[in-house]
């Protein structure tokens, strides 16, 4: 089997390393932080949500973006300062609008297929990640939002995902702690939630048990391939050589891909989250057990164990900016106060991460220009949801390359 170098210790890098190690490959995983899952895979919304498979390439997204451009606390915020990267990304985003329907259906299929792999790995490796199988409830305050969701439900059904419309009374029965007035909702019983950081870290330990070499605390300075071998130069000057390289570097994949001769138009879309610490029994009782998605505010929630409540969302197009802005965190806290008034928000931990978004909202999985270069990146807001199936797809591409490569790296000769 081959030696593969995986760049990036987030959810896609760790799942990729795990599958490749299970297939018998020698794997080196390079991560710039001391532990796996310390950036975008650290404190996201926590949803494993096939019901959130709708891609963003809908005309209404552009309308909302223009309307909210000068509103600091808007769910979708675009920094108007132009850059070639941003302009090219939005041009390709607009070009992908005609594929909205097909890409939404395709994403739903991927999300459903990912479940059996991810849950199976967690069981096999003994990974505890506060997994809660209570479904996801999408909530709507007006008829327009509800009607759009009804159309999305038809696309999800084409992808194999059933979800049902529920009345306000049924919503209260599903999640009694939710306050406020609602037009209706949609409930997906098969979706679930958990702590992505605990899962990523736990799976990274399983990778080590399977022989994966973890090089943590190392930044990649350069990556090269001559088609038969790959070299990764670290910032300390160390050079790691392997048969192939797999780029799973999230928002940094674009720069690494350029070094390898490939164009990946990944844009960093910032999202924010807060983790509300449920330090008293009253707050624990008042916080929801069922995961929610509020389409109007673009916020999602997850209950993480007994004493944590995660609220995450918003989208900010502002380059590689990781500042945690008070005017972006405040709406998340206000939302908790309004929807769950019995929950104390006295202790809240804010966070921001950069989602690696492709313009068509589909992940980039497969080979690059050089035969021994592979990518598994660009998962956007569904990184955890899709990670298991894209790692499985990656392994298939690697297997095809290895079969064509032949023994000891010699190209296979047709009979």
Protein backbone atom coordinates (compact mmCIF):
# COMPACT_ATOMS: atom_id res chain seq x y z
CA UNK A 1 0.00 0.00 0.00
CA UNK A 2 1.01 3.64 -0.42
CA UNK A 3 2.15 6.37 1.94
CA UNK A 4 -0.28 9.28 1.83
CA UNK A 5 0.26 12.70 3.40
CA UNK A 6 -2.98 14.33 4.57
CA UNK A 7 -2.81 18.10 5.12
CA UNK A 8 -5.31 19.41 7.65
CA UNK A 9 -6.53 18.02 10.97
CA UNK A 10 -10.10 19.24 10.84
CA UNK A 11 -13.11 16.97 10.37
CA UNK A 12 -12.39 16.23 6.69
CA UNK A 13 -8.68 15.58 7.26
CA UNK A 14 -9.25 13.28 10.22
CA UNK A 15 -12.03 11.29 8.53
CA UNK A 16 -9.84 11.01 5.42
CA UNK A 17 -6.87 9.77 7.44
CA UNK A 18 -9.10 7.29 9.27
CA UNK A 19 -10.54 5.74 6.10
CA UNK A 20 -7.15 5.56 4.38
CA UNK A 21 -5.59 3.91 7.44
CA UNK A 22 -8.46 1.41 7.60
CA UNK A 23 -7.73 0.57 3.96
CA UNK A 24 -4.16 -0.32 4.93
CA UNK A 25 -2.29 2.78 3.76
CA UNK A 26 0.54 4.39 5.64
CA UNK A 27 -0.76 7.84 6.57
CA UNK A 28 0.87 11.00 7.89
CA UNK A 29 -1.55 13.68 9.06
CA UNK A 30 -0.22 17.24 9.33
CA UNK A 31 -2.07 19.77 11.50
CA UNK A 32 -0.83 23.24 12.48
CA UNK A 33 -2.49 23.21 15.90
CA UNK A 34 -1.50 21.05 18.84
CA UNK A 35 -4.72 19.04 18.58
CA UNK A 36 -7.10 18.04 15.81
CA UNK A 37 -10.31 19.99 15.28
CA UNK A 38 -9.16 23.36 16.62
CA UNK A 39 -10.41 25.67 13.85
CA UNK A 40 -13.67 25.37 11.89
CA UNK A 41 -14.27 21.95 13.45
CA UNK A 42 -14.11 23.35 16.97
CA UNK A 43 -17.43 24.95 17.88
CA UNK A 44 -19.86 24.83 14.97
CA UNK A 45 -23.62 24.34 15.26
CA UNK A 46 -23.25 20.65 16.03
CA UNK A 47 -25.92 19.48 13.61
CA UNK A 48 -25.71 16.34 11.49
CA UNK A 49 -28.37 17.76 9.25
CA UNK A 50 -29.45 16.23 5.98
CA UNK A 51 -32.48 18.53 6.37
CA UNK A 52 -30.14 21.51 5.88
CA UNK A 53 -28.96 20.25 2.48
CA UNK A 54 -30.52 23.14 0.56
CA UNK A 55 -27.68 24.90 -1.26
CA UNK A 56 -27.44 28.68 -1.04
CA UNK A 57 -27.43 29.27 -4.81
CA UNK A 58 -31.01 30.57 -4.85
CA UNK A 59 -31.94 34.02 -6.21
CA UNK A 60 -33.33 35.00 -2.80
CA UNK A 61 -29.83 34.73 -1.30
CA UNK A 62 -28.59 37.55 -3.56
CA UNK A 63 -31.60 39.72 -2.72
CA UNK A 64 -31.09 39.24 1.00
CA UNK A 65 -27.36 39.89 0.71
CA UNK A 66 -27.96 43.24 -1.01
CA UNK A 67 -30.69 44.21 1.46
CA UNK A 68 -28.53 43.39 4.49
CA UNK A 69 -25.19 44.72 3.21
CA UNK A 70 -25.15 47.76 5.50
CA UNK A 71 -26.81 46.10 8.49
CA UNK A 72 -24.11 45.08 11.00
CA UNK A 73 -26.22 42.39 12.71
CA UNK A 74 -27.64 40.87 9.52
CA UNK A 75 -27.70 37.06 9.18
CA UNK A 76 -25.84 37.42 5.86
CA UNK A 77 -23.21 40.17 5.69
CA UNK A 78 -20.95 40.99 2.74
CA UNK A 79 -18.03 43.35 3.14
CA UNK A 80 -18.46 45.65 0.08
CA UNK A 81 -14.70 46.12 -0.33
CA UNK A 82 -13.89 44.31 -3.59
CA UNK A 83 -11.23 41.68 -4.13
CA UNK A 84 -10.58 39.48 -7.14
CA UNK A 85 -11.18 36.37 -5.05
CA UNK A 86 -14.55 37.59 -3.80
CA UNK A 87 -15.68 38.85 -7.22
CA UNK A 88 -14.72 35.62 -8.99
CA UNK A 89 -16.43 33.57 -6.28
CA UNK A 90 -19.71 35.49 -6.56
CA UNK A 91 -19.58 35.31 -10.36
CA UNK A 92 -19.36 31.52 -10.15
CA UNK A 93 -22.01 31.50 -7.40
CA UNK A 94 -24.43 33.30 -9.73
CA UNK A 95 -23.52 30.94 -12.58
CA UNK A 96 -24.48 28.01 -10.32
CA UNK A 97 -28.02 29.28 -9.61
CA UNK A 98 -29.54 27.21 -12.47
CA UNK A 99 -28.19 24.08 -10.72
CA UNK A 100 -29.86 24.93 -7.39
CA UNK A 101 -32.37 22.10 -7.65
CA UNK A 102 -29.95 19.39 -8.78
CA UNK A 103 -27.28 20.38 -6.25
CA UNK A 104 -29.77 20.41 -3.37
CA UNK A 105 -30.96 16.91 -4.24
CA UNK A 106 -27.37 15.68 -4.65
CA UNK A 107 -26.36 17.16 -1.28
CA UNK A 108 -29.29 15.47 0.46
CA UNK A 109 -28.24 12.12 -0.98
CA UNK A 110 -24.68 12.62 0.24
CA UNK A 111 -25.84 13.61 3.72
CA UNK A 112 -27.98 10.50 4.08
CA UNK A 113 -25.21 8.23 2.82
CA UNK A 114 -22.74 9.76 5.31
CA UNK A 115 -24.71 8.70 8.38
CA UNK A 116 -24.01 4.97 8.37
CA UNK A 117 -20.27 5.53 8.03
CA UNK A 118 -19.98 8.21 10.72
CA UNK A 119 -22.12 6.44 13.30
CA UNK A 120 -20.38 3.14 12.58
CA UNK A 121 -16.94 4.65 13.09
CA UNK A 122 -18.00 6.20 16.39
CA UNK A 123 -19.28 2.83 17.65
CA UNK A 124 -16.27 0.88 16.41
CA UNK A 125 -13.72 3.33 17.83
CA UNK A 126 -15.56 4.15 21.05
CA UNK A 127 -15.86 7.87 20.29
CA UNK A 128 -18.18 9.72 22.70
CA UNK A 129 -19.37 13.02 21.21
CA UNK A 130 -22.59 13.86 23.08
CA UNK A 131 -24.61 12.35 20.25
CA UNK A 132 -28.33 13.11 20.54
CA UNK A 133 -30.83 11.49 18.16
CA UNK A 134 -33.82 13.77 18.72
CA UNK A 135 -34.24 15.12 15.19
CA UNK A 136 -34.13 18.70 13.90
CA UNK A 137 -37.07 21.11 13.94
CA UNK A 138 -37.10 23.94 11.36
CA UNK A 139 -39.17 26.88 12.63
CA UNK A 140 -40.99 29.57 10.59
CA UNK A 141 -42.69 32.77 11.72
CA UNK A 142 -44.54 33.57 8.48
CA UNK A 143 -46.25 31.89 5.55
CA UNK A 144 -43.62 32.94 2.99
CA UNK A 145 -40.82 31.16 4.84
CA UNK A 146 -43.00 28.11 5.46
CA UNK A 147 -44.04 27.88 1.80
CA UNK A 148 -40.41 28.07 0.64
CA UNK A 149 -39.55 25.29 3.09
CA UNK A 150 -42.38 23.18 1.67
CA UNK A 151 -40.76 23.43 -1.77
CA UNK A 152 -37.38 22.52 -0.26
CA UNK A 153 -39.00 19.48 1.36
CA UNK A 154 -39.95 18.21 -2.10
CA UNK A 155 -36.30 18.42 -3.17
CA UNK A 156 -35.14 16.67 -0.01
CA UNK A 157 -37.70 13.92 -0.66
CA UNK A 158 -36.18 13.45 -4.13
CA UNK A 159 -32.88 12.93 -2.36
CA UNK A 160 -34.44 10.29 -0.11
CA UNK A 161 -35.03 12.37 3.03
CA UNK A 162 -38.50 12.46 4.57
CA UNK A 163 -39.46 15.42 6.73
CA UNK A 164 -42.95 16.41 7.81
CA UNK A 165 -44.79 19.67 8.23
CA UNK A 166 -45.91 20.40 11.79
CA UNK A 167 -48.38 22.88 13.26
CA UNK A 168 -47.51 25.31 16.06
CA UNK A 169 -49.17 22.94 18.54
CA UNK A 170 -47.12 20.03 17.23
CA UNK A 171 -43.98 22.17 17.46
CA UNK A 172 -44.68 22.80 21.14
CA UNK A 173 -45.19 19.08 21.67
CA UNK A 174 -41.86 18.30 19.98
CA UNK A 175 -39.97 21.00 21.93
CA UNK A 176 -41.99 22.35 24.89
CA UNK A 177 -39.34 24.89 25.95
CA UNK A 178 -39.57 26.94 22.71
CA UNK A 179 -41.24 30.32 23.30
CA UNK A 180 -42.79 32.65 20.72
CA UNK A 181 -45.40 32.64 17.97
CA UNK A 182 -44.82 30.58 14.82
CA UNK A 183 -46.66 29.91 11.58
CA UNK A 184 -45.45 26.32 11.44
CA UNK A 185 -42.42 24.12 11.06
CA UNK A 186 -40.84 21.06 9.48
CA UNK A 187 -39.49 18.18 11.54
CA UNK A 188 -36.82 15.69 10.44
CA UNK A 189 -36.73 12.82 12.93
CA UNK A 190 -33.71 11.11 11.36
CA UNK A 191 -31.32 14.05 11.88
CA UNK A 192 -29.15 14.33 15.00
CA UNK A 193 -26.59 16.47 16.81
CA UNK A 194 -23.32 16.23 18.70
CA UNK A 195 -20.05 17.90 19.58
CA UNK A 196 -17.91 18.07 16.43
CA UNK A 197 -14.72 18.82 18.36
CA UNK A 198 -15.14 15.81 20.62
CA UNK A 199 -15.82 13.63 17.57
CA UNK A 200 -12.84 14.96 15.59
CA UNK A 201 -10.45 14.67 18.52
CA UNK A 202 -11.70 11.20 19.42
CA UNK A 203 -11.35 9.97 15.84
CA UNK A 204 -7.83 11.45 15.66
CA UNK A 205 -6.88 9.27 18.65
CA UNK A 206 -8.38 6.29 16.83
CA UNK A 207 -6.23 7.20 13.82
CA UNK A 208 -3.12 7.05 16.00
CA UNK A 209 -4.15 3.63 17.28
CA UNK A 210 -4.39 2.53 13.66
CA UNK A 211 -0.83 3.70 12.99
CA UNK A 212 -1.41 7.17 11.56
CA UNK A 213 1.51 9.48 12.25
CA UNK A 214 0.15 12.77 13.60
CA UNK A 215 2.41 15.76 13.03
CA UNK A 216 0.64 18.40 15.11
CA UNK A 217 1.91 21.90 15.72
CA UNK A 218 3.39 22.11 12.22
CA UNK A 219 2.49 24.62 9.51
CA UNK A 220 2.87 23.68 5.85
CA UNK A 221 5.23 26.06 4.04
CA UNK A 222 5.17 24.35 0.65
CA UNK A 223 3.68 21.32 -1.09
CA UNK A 224 4.99 19.79 -4.32
CA UNK A 225 4.34 16.81 -6.56
CA UNK A 226 6.15 15.43 -9.59
CA UNK A 227 3.34 12.98 -10.31
CA UNK A 228 5.00 9.98 -8.64
CA UNK A 229 6.09 11.40 -5.28
CA UNK A 230 4.83 14.24 -3.11
CA UNK A 231 6.80 16.48 -0.79
CA UNK A 232 5.48 18.68 2.00
CA UNK A 233 7.91 21.19 3.49
CA UNK A 234 7.05 22.30 7.01
CA UNK A 235 7.74 25.73 8.45
CA UNK A 236 10.60 24.31 10.54
CA UNK A 237 12.32 23.07 7.39
CA UNK A 238 11.41 19.40 7.80
CA UNK A 239 10.41 17.68 4.57
CA UNK A 240 7.82 14.89 4.56
CA UNK A 241 7.87 12.70 1.47
CA UNK A 242 5.13 10.32 0.40
CA UNK A 243 3.60 8.63 -2.60
CA UNK A 244 0.65 11.04 -2.69
CA UNK A 245 -0.80 14.06 -0.92
CA UNK A 246 -4.38 14.75 0.15
CA UNK A 247 -5.37 18.39 0.71
CA UNK A 248 -8.03 18.74 3.42
CA UNK A 249 -7.01 22.19 4.58
CA UNK A 250 -10.38 23.96 4.61
CA UNK A 251 -10.10 27.62 3.67
CA UNK A 252 -6.35 27.22 3.11
CA UNK A 253 -6.91 24.62 0.37
CA UNK A 254 -7.06 27.28 -2.34
CA UNK A 255 -3.49 28.44 -1.70
CA UNK A 256 -2.15 24.89 -1.40
CA UNK A 257 -3.97 23.85 -4.56
CA UNK A 258 -2.36 26.72 -6.45
CA UNK A 259 1.08 25.39 -5.47
CA UNK A 260 0.06 22.06 -7.01
CA UNK A 261 -1.27 23.62 -10.21
CA UNK A 262 -4.95 23.31 -9.33
CA UNK A 263 -7.64 25.97 -9.01
CA UNK A 264 -9.99 25.61 -6.05
CA UNK A 265 -12.17 28.66 -5.64
CA UNK A 266 -12.76 28.14 -1.92
CA UNK A 267 -13.88 31.27 -0.08
CA UNK A 268 -13.73 31.69 3.72
CA UNK A 269 -17.29 32.41 4.93
CA UNK A 270 -17.23 33.33 8.59
CA UNK A 271 -19.78 31.92 11.00
CA UNK A 272 -20.26 32.64 14.68
CA UNK A 273 -21.42 30.56 17.61
CA UNK A 274 -22.04 30.87 21.30
CA UNK A 275 -21.93 28.07 23.82
CA UNK A 276 -24.30 28.85 26.67
CA UNK A 277 -23.17 27.24 29.90
CA UNK A 278 -26.17 25.78 31.68
CA UNK A 279 -24.80 26.17 35.20
CA UNK A 280 -28.08 25.84 37.11
CA UNK A 281 -30.93 23.35 37.13
CA UNK A 282 -33.44 25.96 35.93
CA UNK A 283 -31.40 26.69 32.80
CA UNK A 284 -30.89 23.00 32.12
CA UNK A 285 -34.63 22.43 32.30
CA UNK A 286 -35.41 25.49 30.14
CA UNK A 287 -32.94 24.68 27.33
CA UNK A 288 -34.20 22.62 24.38
CA UNK A 289 -33.42 18.96 23.87
CA UNK A 290 -34.45 18.98 20.20
CA UNK A 291 -32.16 20.73 17.71
CA UNK A 292 -33.63 23.77 15.97
CA UNK A 293 -33.01 25.67 12.75
CA UNK A 294 -34.50 29.16 12.50
CA UNK A 295 -34.52 29.98 8.78
CA UNK A 296 -35.37 33.66 9.29
CA UNK A 297 -32.34 34.38 11.48
CA UNK A 298 -30.19 31.59 9.96
CA UNK A 299 -29.42 30.16 13.40
CA UNK A 300 -29.09 26.52 14.47
CA UNK A 301 -28.97 24.98 17.93
CA UNK A 302 -27.66 21.84 19.59
CA UNK A 303 -27.91 20.57 23.14
CA UNK A 304 -24.49 19.21 24.09
CA UNK A 305 -24.84 17.02 27.12
CA UNK A 306 -26.58 18.26 30.25
CA UNK A 307 -24.82 21.56 30.73
CA UNK A 308 -24.09 23.12 27.30
CA UNK A 309 -26.32 24.74 24.70
CA UNK A 310 -24.80 25.72 21.33
CA UNK A 311 -26.29 28.40 19.07
CA UNK A 312 -24.55 29.08 15.75
CA UNK A 313 -25.06 30.65 12.39
CA UNK A 314 -24.82 33.80 10.27
CA UNK A 315 -22.59 34.16 7.22
CA UNK A 316 -19.99 36.86 6.77
CA UNK A 317 -18.01 37.41 3.56
CA UNK A 318 -15.02 39.28 4.93
CA UNK A 319 -11.92 37.38 3.79
CA UNK A 320 -9.66 35.66 6.29
CA UNK A 321 -10.94 37.72 9.19
CA UNK A 322 -11.48 35.83 12.45
CA UNK A 323 -12.36 38.77 14.68
CA UNK A 324 -15.18 37.97 17.09
CA UNK A 325 -17.38 41.04 16.76
CA UNK A 326 -19.74 42.01 19.57
CA UNK A 327 -22.37 43.23 17.09
CA UNK A 328 -22.42 39.75 15.51
CA UNK A 329 -22.53 37.85 18.80
CA UNK A 330 -25.25 40.00 20.37
CA UNK A 331 -28.05 38.73 18.06
CA UNK A 332 -27.25 35.13 19.07
CA UNK A 333 -27.56 35.98 22.76
CA UNK A 334 -30.74 37.99 22.12
CA UNK A 335 -32.22 35.05 20.22
CA UNK A 336 -31.66 32.76 23.23
CA UNK A 337 -33.23 35.32 25.55
CA UNK A 338 -36.29 35.61 23.31
CA UNK A 339 -36.83 31.96 22.41
CA UNK A 340 -35.72 30.41 25.71
CA UNK A 341 -36.26 33.06 28.40
CA UNK A 342 -35.70 30.56 31.20
CA UNK A 343 -32.08 29.99 30.14
CA UNK A 344 -29.48 32.14 31.86
CA UNK A 345 -27.06 33.76 29.40
CA UNK A 346 -24.81 35.05 32.18
CA UNK A 347 -21.99 32.77 30.98
CA UNK A 348 -21.59 32.55 27.22
CA UNK A 349 -18.49 31.53 25.23
CA UNK A 350 -18.30 33.22 21.79
CA UNK A 351 -16.48 31.72 18.81
CA UNK A 352 -15.91 32.36 15.11
CA UNK A 353 -14.79 30.02 12.34
CA UNK A 354 -14.29 30.14 8.57
CA UNK A 355 -16.38 27.78 6.46
CA UNK A 356 -14.60 26.64 3.25
CA UNK A 357 -17.24 27.39 0.61
CA UNK A 358 -17.19 26.46 -3.05
CA UNK A 359 -19.36 28.66 -5.33
CA UNK A 360 -21.69 25.78 -6.25
CA UNK A 361 -21.92 24.67 -2.58
CA UNK A 362 -20.62 21.18 -3.41
CA UNK A 363 -17.40 19.80 -1.87
CA UNK A 364 -14.37 19.21 -4.07
CA UNK A 365 -13.48 15.52 -3.76
CA UNK A 366 -11.11 13.68 -6.07
CA UNK A 367 -7.82 13.94 -7.96
CA UNK A 368 -6.01 17.08 -9.01
CA UNK A 369 -3.95 17.75 -12.12
CA UNK A 370 -1.11 15.55 -10.92
CA UNK A 371 -2.16 11.88 -10.58
CA UNK A 372 -0.95 11.61 -6.98
CA UNK A 373 -2.69 14.76 -5.71
CA UNK A 374 -6.14 14.51 -4.13
CA UNK A 375 -8.61 16.92 -2.56
CA UNK A 376 -11.33 16.56 0.05
CA UNK A 377 -12.36 20.10 0.89
CA UNK A 378 -14.88 22.90 0.32
CA UNK A 379 -17.74 21.42 2.37
CA UNK A 380 -19.09 24.80 3.48
CA UNK A 381 -21.73 24.73 6.21
CA UNK A 382 -22.11 20.93 6.00
CA UNK A 383 -18.57 19.82 6.76
CA UNK A 384 -19.44 17.42 9.54
CA UNK A 385 -22.65 16.24 7.90
CA UNK A 386 -20.87 15.24 4.67
CA UNK A 387 -17.40 14.35 5.97
CA UNK A 388 -17.89 10.61 6.29
CA UNK A 389 -19.19 10.06 2.76
CA UNK A 390 -16.61 12.32 1.12
CA UNK A 391 -13.83 10.48 2.98
CA UNK A 392 -15.29 7.24 1.59
CA UNK A 393 -15.35 8.77 -1.92
CA UNK A 394 -11.76 9.93 -1.51
CA UNK A 395 -10.69 6.39 -0.63
CA UNK A 396 -12.30 5.21 -3.85
CA UNK A 397 -10.29 7.70 -5.92
CA UNK A 398 -7.10 6.67 -4.13
CA UNK A 399 -7.84 3.00 -4.82
CA UNK A 400 -8.29 3.74 -8.54
CA UNK A 401 -5.02 5.66 -8.62
CA UNK A 402 -3.17 2.86 -6.84
CA UNK A 403 -4.57 0.24 -9.22
CA UNK A 404 -3.42 2.29 -12.22
CA UNK A 405 -0.07 2.93 -10.57
CA UNK A 406 0.78 -0.74 -10.30
CA UNK A 407 3.33 -2.41 -8.01
CA UNK A 408 6.07 -0.23 -6.47
CA UNK A 409 4.78 2.87 -8.23
CA UNK A 410 5.12 1.54 -11.80
CA UNK A 411 2.34 2.48 -14.20
CA UNK A 412 0.12 -0.47 -14.98
CA UNK A 413 0.54 -1.78 -18.51
CA UNK A 414 -2.63 -2.86 -20.36
CA UNK A 415 -2.71 -6.52 -21.32
